[in-house]
């Protein structure tokens, strides 16, 4: 079958057929190339160590945590990691002074 006939029958361009034939000549196979996504190297790989680090340094800001962490790490990476382990800095409703005073609890 001619390339032009095959392109009409299968609904593909002649250029695609040419590329497939070229790939078969070069590699011996015409299947699509497989690409593996490498992604970026993760700065935090030991999550148990990170959780322990957060518990020890919970009073620090994210920027301060990034400075104290072993190795090079960004403030944003700390932020994403804190979010991933479910750590939040939001105060609980009962921990605020105005709520304690309203409920008649002492501040001490």
Protein backbone atom coordinates (compact mmCIF):
# COMPACT_ATOMS: atom_id res chain seq x y z
CA UNK A 1 0.00 0.00 0.00
CA UNK A 2 1.27 3.47 -0.80
CA UNK A 3 1.94 5.94 2.01
CA UNK A 4 -0.72 8.31 0.68
CA UNK A 5 -3.34 5.52 0.61
CA UNK A 6 -2.41 4.39 4.14
CA UNK A 7 -2.64 7.94 5.44
CA UNK A 8 -6.20 8.24 4.06
CA UNK A 9 -7.28 4.81 5.33
CA UNK A 10 -5.95 5.30 8.85
CA UNK A 11 -6.56 9.05 9.08
CA UNK A 12 -2.96 10.02 9.75
CA UNK A 13 -0.52 12.24 7.91
CA UNK A 14 2.13 10.97 5.55
CA UNK A 15 4.71 12.66 7.75
CA UNK A 16 3.67 10.42 10.65
CA UNK A 17 4.14 7.34 8.49
CA UNK A 18 7.57 8.63 7.42
CA UNK A 19 8.56 9.20 11.05
CA UNK A 20 7.43 5.69 12.02
CA UNK A 21 9.38 4.12 9.17
CA UNK A 22 12.45 6.17 10.08
CA UNK A 23 12.17 5.04 13.71
CA UNK A 24 11.86 1.39 12.58
CA UNK A 25 15.06 1.77 10.52
CA UNK A 26 16.96 3.34 13.43
CA UNK A 27 15.73 1.24 16.35
CA UNK A 28 14.18 -1.84 14.77
CA UNK A 29 10.84 -0.98 16.36
CA UNK A 30 8.13 1.52 15.43
CA UNK A 31 6.35 1.74 18.78
CA UNK A 32 6.13 5.06 20.57
CA UNK A 33 9.05 6.03 22.75
CA UNK A 34 8.42 5.67 26.47
CA UNK A 35 9.35 8.60 28.62
CA UNK A 36 9.76 8.40 32.33
CA UNK A 37 8.96 11.47 34.32
CA UNK A 38 11.87 12.14 36.59
CA UNK A 39 10.28 14.85 38.68
CA UNK A 40 12.35 16.76 41.17
CA UNK A 41 14.37 15.29 43.96
CA UNK A 42 12.46 15.61 47.18
CA UNK A 43 14.26 17.39 49.99
CA UNK A 44 12.34 15.55 52.68
CA UNK A 45 12.37 11.78 52.37
CA UNK A 46 12.27 10.65 56.00
CA UNK A 47 8.81 11.75 57.17
CA UNK A 48 9.20 10.34 60.69
CA UNK A 49 12.33 12.45 61.15
CA UNK A 50 10.46 15.50 59.82
CA UNK A 51 7.51 14.97 62.20
CA UNK A 52 9.94 14.74 65.14
CA UNK A 53 11.70 17.88 63.88
CA UNK A 54 8.39 19.76 63.73
CA UNK A 55 7.41 18.67 67.25
CA UNK A 56 10.76 19.90 68.59
CA UNK A 57 10.64 23.19 66.66
CA UNK A 58 6.91 23.95 66.57
CA UNK A 59 7.47 27.49 67.89
CA UNK A 60 9.71 28.45 64.95
CA UNK A 61 8.51 30.11 61.78
CA UNK A 62 8.81 28.28 58.48
CA UNK A 63 11.81 30.41 57.53
CA UNK A 64 13.52 29.56 60.82
CA UNK A 65 12.70 25.87 60.33
CA UNK A 66 14.32 26.00 56.89
CA UNK A 67 17.49 27.45 58.43
CA UNK A 68 17.61 24.85 61.22
CA UNK A 69 16.84 21.81 59.00
CA UNK A 70 19.79 19.60 58.06
CA UNK A 71 20.77 20.51 54.50
CA UNK A 72 19.50 23.01 51.97
CA UNK A 73 15.72 23.45 51.99
CA UNK A 74 13.40 26.29 51.09
CA UNK A 75 10.72 27.91 53.19
CA UNK A 76 8.12 26.82 50.63
CA UNK A 77 9.25 23.19 50.88
CA UNK A 78 8.79 23.37 54.65
CA UNK A 79 5.32 24.82 54.06
CA UNK A 80 4.31 22.01 51.69
CA UNK A 81 5.72 19.36 54.04
CA UNK A 82 3.84 20.80 57.04
CA UNK A 83 0.67 20.73 54.99
CA UNK A 84 1.35 17.14 53.92
CA UNK A 85 1.69 15.89 57.51
CA UNK A 86 -1.40 17.86 58.57
CA UNK A 87 0.41 20.30 60.86
CA UNK A 88 -1.47 23.56 61.32
CA UNK A 89 -0.59 26.73 63.18
CA UNK A 90 -4.20 27.79 63.63
CA UNK A 91 -5.16 28.41 67.20
CA UNK A 92 -7.90 26.33 68.71
CA UNK A 93 -10.95 28.34 69.67
CA UNK A 94 -10.49 27.61 73.38
CA UNK A 95 -6.86 28.78 73.35
CA UNK A 96 -7.66 32.42 72.65
CA UNK A 97 -7.79 34.78 75.62
CA UNK A 98 -11.16 36.33 74.72
CA UNK A 99 -12.92 32.94 74.61
CA UNK A 100 -11.43 31.88 77.96
CA UNK A 101 -12.53 35.12 79.61
CA UNK A 102 -16.01 34.76 78.12
CA UNK A 103 -16.30 31.22 79.52
CA UNK A 104 -15.09 32.34 82.94
CA UNK A 105 -11.87 30.34 82.81
CA UNK A 106 -8.78 31.76 84.41
CA UNK A 107 -5.80 32.65 82.28
CA UNK A 108 -3.45 30.57 84.43
